[in-house]
Amino acid sequence: MIEEGQPGSRHNRHTMRDTPPQERPRERLMRYGADKLSGEELLSVLISRGTGGMPVREIAHELIIAFGSLAAIADATIEQLKRIRGIGPAKACQLKAAFEIARRYEESLSGEERVELASAAAIARHIRPRLQDRRKECFFTILLDSRQRHIRTDVVSVGSLETTLAHPREVYDAAVRDKASTVVVAHNHPSGDPAPSDEDVRLTRRLVEAGRVLGIMLRDHVIIAGSKYYSFRESALI
């Protein structure tokens, strides 16, 4: 990740003034529509302007380089976003707010027709698209109602290349707030091996115990590795 003070790709720097008006992201959006813009261009429109001598297109470019995808930027924390040169608290909050609006809009489309996620295979199909091209472990909570229908999916943490961390408080916070009956947790193994690590087993046990105290069942812990998955429930470990 490119942090403040590190050298960037300044040899390719150009300001928005150097770009012909018809090729600037905002003008292209108005002329052709948002769906015709690249992810970098959309970020440029959202960020709006550069800062500290950095053009807005360079800030957007470094966001893409640092996180790898729009999905990873959406899942980043405020503190992680602020590590990018040119992203301060205000711009980090703009990005988080925009991605949260998009997430809520997507959820609203389903209305009352909630998808049933009663099996590990269904959970794997549900979460796998959010893990495409992820080089780090990402830990998710999936909230279900009493009929095992999807309420919402949240990212809890994004870890290093080898590990990720999740605390029971973070896992069950949204479940308590949204009155979920059941929680499923899921994370990926970028290594391609879905077998649980010792830490995965220990964490699952802690989550089961915490769920019992709160009266919210941990239904499953699903590990995704490419096209394969591992289910603690199917393996009789929950």
Protein backbone atom coordinates (compact mmCIF):
# COMPACT_ATOMS: atom_id res chain seq x y z
CA MET A 1 0.00 0.00 0.00
CA ILE A 2 1.36 3.44 -0.88
CA GLU A 3 1.63 5.54 2.25
CA GLU A 4 2.03 9.25 2.76
CA GLY A 5 5.57 10.33 2.11
CA GLN A 6 6.44 7.41 -0.20
CA PRO A 7 7.42 8.09 -3.80
CA GLY A 8 4.61 7.51 -6.27
CA SER A 9 4.27 7.39 -10.03
CA ARG A 10 5.04 11.09 -10.43
CA HIS A 11 6.69 10.61 -13.82
CA ASN A 12 3.22 10.04 -15.24
CA ARG A 13 1.64 12.94 -13.36
CA HIS A 14 -0.61 15.29 -15.22
CA THR A 15 -3.19 17.64 -13.87
CA MET A 16 -6.83 17.87 -14.91
CA ARG A 17 -5.90 21.12 -16.67
CA ASP A 18 -3.63 19.11 -18.99
CA THR A 19 -6.57 16.91 -19.98
CA PRO A 20 -8.81 18.13 -22.82
CA PRO A 21 -12.19 19.17 -21.36
CA GLN A 22 -14.10 16.48 -23.25
CA GLU A 23 -11.87 13.77 -21.74
CA ARG A 24 -12.20 14.83 -18.10
CA PRO A 25 -14.13 12.29 -15.97
CA ARG A 26 -16.93 14.65 -14.95
CA GLU A 27 -17.52 15.80 -18.53
CA ARG A 28 -17.38 12.21 -19.81
CA LEU A 29 -19.93 11.17 -17.18
CA MET A 30 -22.34 13.92 -18.24
CA ARG A 31 -21.87 13.13 -21.92
CA TYR A 32 -21.81 9.33 -21.93
CA GLY A 33 -23.23 8.21 -18.56
CA ALA A 34 -21.60 6.77 -15.42
CA ASP A 35 -21.62 3.22 -16.78
CA LYS A 36 -19.10 4.22 -19.50
CA LEU A 37 -16.46 5.40 -17.02
CA SER A 38 -13.63 3.27 -15.65
CA GLY A 39 -13.34 2.64 -11.93
CA GLU A 40 -10.49 5.15 -11.75
CA GLU A 41 -12.60 7.80 -13.48
CA LEU A 42 -15.55 7.18 -11.15
CA LEU A 43 -13.26 7.57 -8.15
CA SER A 44 -11.94 10.82 -9.63
CA VAL A 45 -15.47 12.20 -9.87
CA LEU A 46 -16.24 11.09 -6.33
CA ILE A 47 -13.04 12.52 -4.84
CA SER A 48 -13.71 15.69 -6.85
CA ARG A 49 -10.37 17.48 -6.55
CA GLY A 50 -6.72 16.89 -5.79
CA THR A 51 -4.89 18.04 -2.70
CA GLY A 52 -1.37 18.75 -1.53
CA GLY A 53 -0.08 19.03 -5.07
CA MET A 54 -1.56 15.69 -6.12
CA PRO A 55 -3.98 15.69 -9.08
CA VAL A 56 -7.27 13.92 -8.46
CA ARG A 57 -6.58 11.33 -11.19
CA GLU A 58 -3.34 10.36 -9.47
CA ILE A 59 -5.11 9.92 -6.13
CA ALA A 60 -7.70 7.68 -7.82
CA HIS A 61 -4.94 5.75 -9.59
CA GLU A 62 -3.06 5.11 -6.37
CA LEU A 63 -6.25 3.91 -4.68
CA ILE A 64 -6.70 1.30 -7.40
CA ILE A 65 -3.04 0.26 -7.26
CA ALA A 66 -2.97 0.05 -3.47
CA PHE A 67 -6.18 -1.95 -2.97
CA GLY A 68 -6.45 -3.78 -6.29
CA SER A 69 -10.18 -3.39 -6.92
CA LEU A 70 -13.23 -1.25 -6.19
CA ALA A 71 -14.54 -4.02 -3.93
CA ALA A 72 -11.39 -3.87 -1.81
CA ILE A 73 -11.63 -0.06 -1.60
CA ALA A 74 -15.25 -0.42 -0.48
CA ASP A 75 -14.18 -2.79 2.29
CA ALA A 76 -11.24 -0.64 3.47
CA THR A 77 -11.46 1.17 6.79
CA ILE A 78 -11.16 4.93 7.19
CA GLU A 79 -7.65 4.48 8.57
CA GLN A 80 -6.59 2.29 5.64
CA LEU A 81 -7.92 4.84 3.14
CA LYS A 82 -6.09 7.67 4.89
CA ARG A 83 -2.77 5.91 4.27
CA ILE A 84 -3.07 6.79 0.59
CA ARG A 85 -1.36 10.05 -0.32
CA GLY A 86 -3.98 12.72 -0.96
CA ILE A 87 -6.72 10.99 1.07
CA GLY A 88 -7.52 12.80 4.30
CA PRO A 89 -10.41 12.28 6.73
CA ALA A 90 -12.93 14.15 4.55
CA LYS A 91 -12.17 12.22 1.36
CA ALA A 92 -12.03 8.92 3.25
CA CYS A 93 -15.51 9.63 4.66
CA GLN A 94 -16.78 10.55 1.18
CA LEU A 95 -15.62 7.19 -0.15
CA LYS A 96 -17.08 5.20 2.75
CA ALA A 97 -20.42 7.00 2.46
CA ALA A 98 -20.64 6.42 -1.30
CA PHE A 99 -19.92 2.71 -1.04
CA GLU A 100 -22.38 2.33 1.86
CA ILE A 101 -25.11 3.99 -0.23
CA ALA A 102 -24.36 1.52 -3.03
CA ARG A 103 -24.53 -1.41 -0.59
CA ARG A 104 -27.87 -0.28 0.85
CA TYR A 105 -29.27 0.29 -2.62
CA GLU A 106 -28.29 -3.23 -3.66
CA GLU A 107 -29.96 -4.65 -0.55
CA SER A 108 -33.12 -2.63 -1.17
CA LEU A 109 -33.59 -4.22 -4.59
CA SER A 110 -34.38 -7.57 -3.01
CA GLY A 111 -37.22 -6.07 -0.93
CA GLU A 112 -39.07 -8.79 0.89
CA GLU A 113 -37.76 -11.50 -1.44
CA ARG A 114 -34.84 -12.51 0.73
CA VAL A 115 -32.56 -15.22 -0.61
CA GLU A 116 -32.45 -18.40 1.44
CA LEU A 117 -28.94 -19.39 2.54
CA ALA A 118 -29.64 -22.67 4.28
CA SER A 119 -26.62 -24.63 3.03
CA ALA A 120 -22.87 -24.13 2.92
CA ALA A 121 -22.98 -24.37 -0.88
CA ALA A 122 -25.50 -21.52 -1.03
CA ILE A 123 -23.36 -19.45 1.32
CA ALA A 124 -20.28 -20.11 -0.83
CA ARG A 125 -22.15 -19.01 -3.97
CA HIS A 126 -23.34 -15.89 -2.16
CA ILE A 127 -19.96 -14.74 -0.85
CA ARG A 128 -17.61 -15.88 -3.65
CA PRO A 129 -18.26 -12.88 -5.97
CA ARG A 130 -17.09 -10.53 -3.21
CA LEU A 131 -13.79 -12.40 -2.97
CA GLN A 132 -12.70 -12.26 -6.60
CA ASP A 133 -9.09 -11.15 -7.04
CA ARG A 134 -8.60 -10.77 -3.28
CA ARG A 135 -4.96 -11.28 -2.29
CA LYS A 136 -5.67 -10.87 1.41
CA GLU A 137 -7.97 -12.70 3.78
CA CYS A 138 -11.34 -10.99 4.17
CA PHE A 139 -13.68 -11.94 7.01
CA PHE A 140 -17.46 -11.51 6.57
CA THR A 141 -20.56 -11.86 8.69
CA ILE A 142 -23.78 -12.98 7.01
CA LEU A 143 -26.95 -12.29 8.98
CA LEU A 144 -29.97 -14.56 8.54
CA ASP A 145 -33.54 -14.44 9.81
CA SER A 146 -35.40 -17.31 11.50
CA ARG A 147 -36.07 -18.91 8.09
CA GLN A 148 -32.40 -18.81 7.10
CA ARG A 149 -33.02 -15.96 4.66
CA HIS A 150 -30.37 -13.35 3.99
CA ILE A 151 -30.61 -10.03 5.83
CA ARG A 152 -27.23 -8.46 5.12
CA THR A 153 -23.56 -9.21 4.60
CA ASP A 154 -20.81 -7.12 6.20
CA VAL A 155 -17.03 -7.20 5.99
CA VAL A 156 -15.54 -7.42 9.48
CA SER A 157 -11.85 -7.26 8.68
CA VAL A 158 -9.25 -7.46 5.94
CA GLY A 159 -6.07 -9.21 7.05
CA SER A 160 -2.52 -9.65 5.85
CA LEU A 161 -1.49 -12.09 3.15
CA GLU A 162 -1.39 -14.88 5.73
CA THR A 163 -3.95 -14.06 8.36
CA THR A 164 -7.01 -12.09 9.33
CA LEU A 165 -8.50 -11.29 12.69
CA ALA A 166 -12.08 -11.09 13.89
CA HIS A 167 -13.31 -10.38 17.39
CA PRO A 168 -16.66 -11.81 18.61
CA ARG A 169 -17.81 -8.27 19.45
CA GLU A 170 -17.36 -7.22 15.79
CA VAL A 171 -19.06 -10.35 14.50
CA TYR A 172 -22.17 -10.05 16.66
CA ASP A 173 -22.52 -6.26 16.77
CA ALA A 174 -24.64 -6.03 13.60
CA ALA A 175 -26.54 -9.20 14.51
CA VAL A 176 -27.73 -7.66 17.77
CA ARG A 177 -28.55 -4.34 16.09
CA ASP A 178 -30.51 -5.94 13.23
CA LYS A 179 -32.17 -8.60 15.43
CA ALA A 180 -30.78 -11.49 13.37
CA SER A 181 -31.66 -15.01 14.49
CA THR A 182 -28.60 -16.65 12.99
CA VAL A 183 -25.09 -15.66 11.96
CA VAL A 184 -22.81 -17.26 9.41
CA VAL A 185 -19.18 -16.20 9.13
CA ALA A 186 -17.06 -16.67 6.05
CA HIS A 187 -13.56 -15.84 4.94
CA ASN A 188 -11.21 -16.70 2.12
CA HIS A 189 -7.87 -18.50 1.92
CA PRO A 190 -5.85 -16.87 -0.89
CA SER A 191 -3.49 -19.87 -0.73
CA GLY A 192 -6.12 -21.98 -2.52
CA ASP A 193 -6.43 -24.51 0.34
CA PRO A 194 -9.78 -24.31 2.15
CA ALA A 195 -8.69 -26.44 5.11
CA PRO A 196 -9.06 -24.52 8.40
CA SER A 197 -5.97 -23.41 10.29
CA ASP A 198 -5.60 -23.90 14.03
CA GLU A 199 -6.48 -20.21 14.46
CA ASP A 200 -9.64 -20.71 12.35
CA VAL A 201 -10.71 -23.53 14.66
CA ARG A 202 -9.99 -21.53 17.83
CA LEU A 203 -11.84 -18.49 16.52
CA THR A 204 -14.87 -20.57 15.55
CA ARG A 205 -15.07 -22.03 19.04
CA ARG A 206 -14.94 -18.54 20.56
CA LEU A 207 -17.70 -17.37 18.24
CA VAL A 208 -19.91 -20.34 19.10
CA GLU A 209 -19.53 -19.61 22.82
CA ALA A 210 -20.18 -15.90 22.36
CA GLY A 211 -23.29 -16.69 20.32
CA ARG A 212 -24.63 -18.91 23.07
CA VAL A 213 -24.27 -16.10 25.58
CA LEU A 214 -26.10 -13.68 23.27
CA GLY A 215 -28.74 -16.18 22.20
CA ILE A 216 -27.70 -15.91 18.53
CA MET A 217 -26.69 -19.15 16.85
CA LEU A 218 -23.51 -19.34 14.79
CA ARG A 219 -24.84 -21.57 12.04
CA ASP A 220 -21.64 -22.08 10.07
CA HIS A 221 -18.16 -20.89 9.30
CA VAL A 222 -17.39 -21.26 5.60
CA ILE A 223 -13.89 -20.92 4.18
CA ILE A 224 -13.64 -20.11 0.48
CA ALA A 225 -10.60 -21.02 -1.63
CA GLY A 226 -11.22 -20.49 -5.33
CA SER A 227 -13.93 -22.89 -6.47
CA LYS A 228 -13.63 -24.96 -3.26
CA TYR A 229 -15.05 -24.36 0.18
CA TYR A 230 -14.88 -25.83 3.68
CA SER A 231 -17.85 -25.86 6.04
CA PHE A 232 -17.43 -26.26 9.80
CA ARG A 233 -21.07 -27.35 10.01
CA GLU A 234 -20.74 -30.01 7.32
CA SER A 235 -17.61 -31.24 9.07
CA ALA A 236 -19.56 -31.53 12.36
CA LEU A 237 -17.35 -28.92 14.07
CA ILE A 238 -20.33 -26.71 14.89
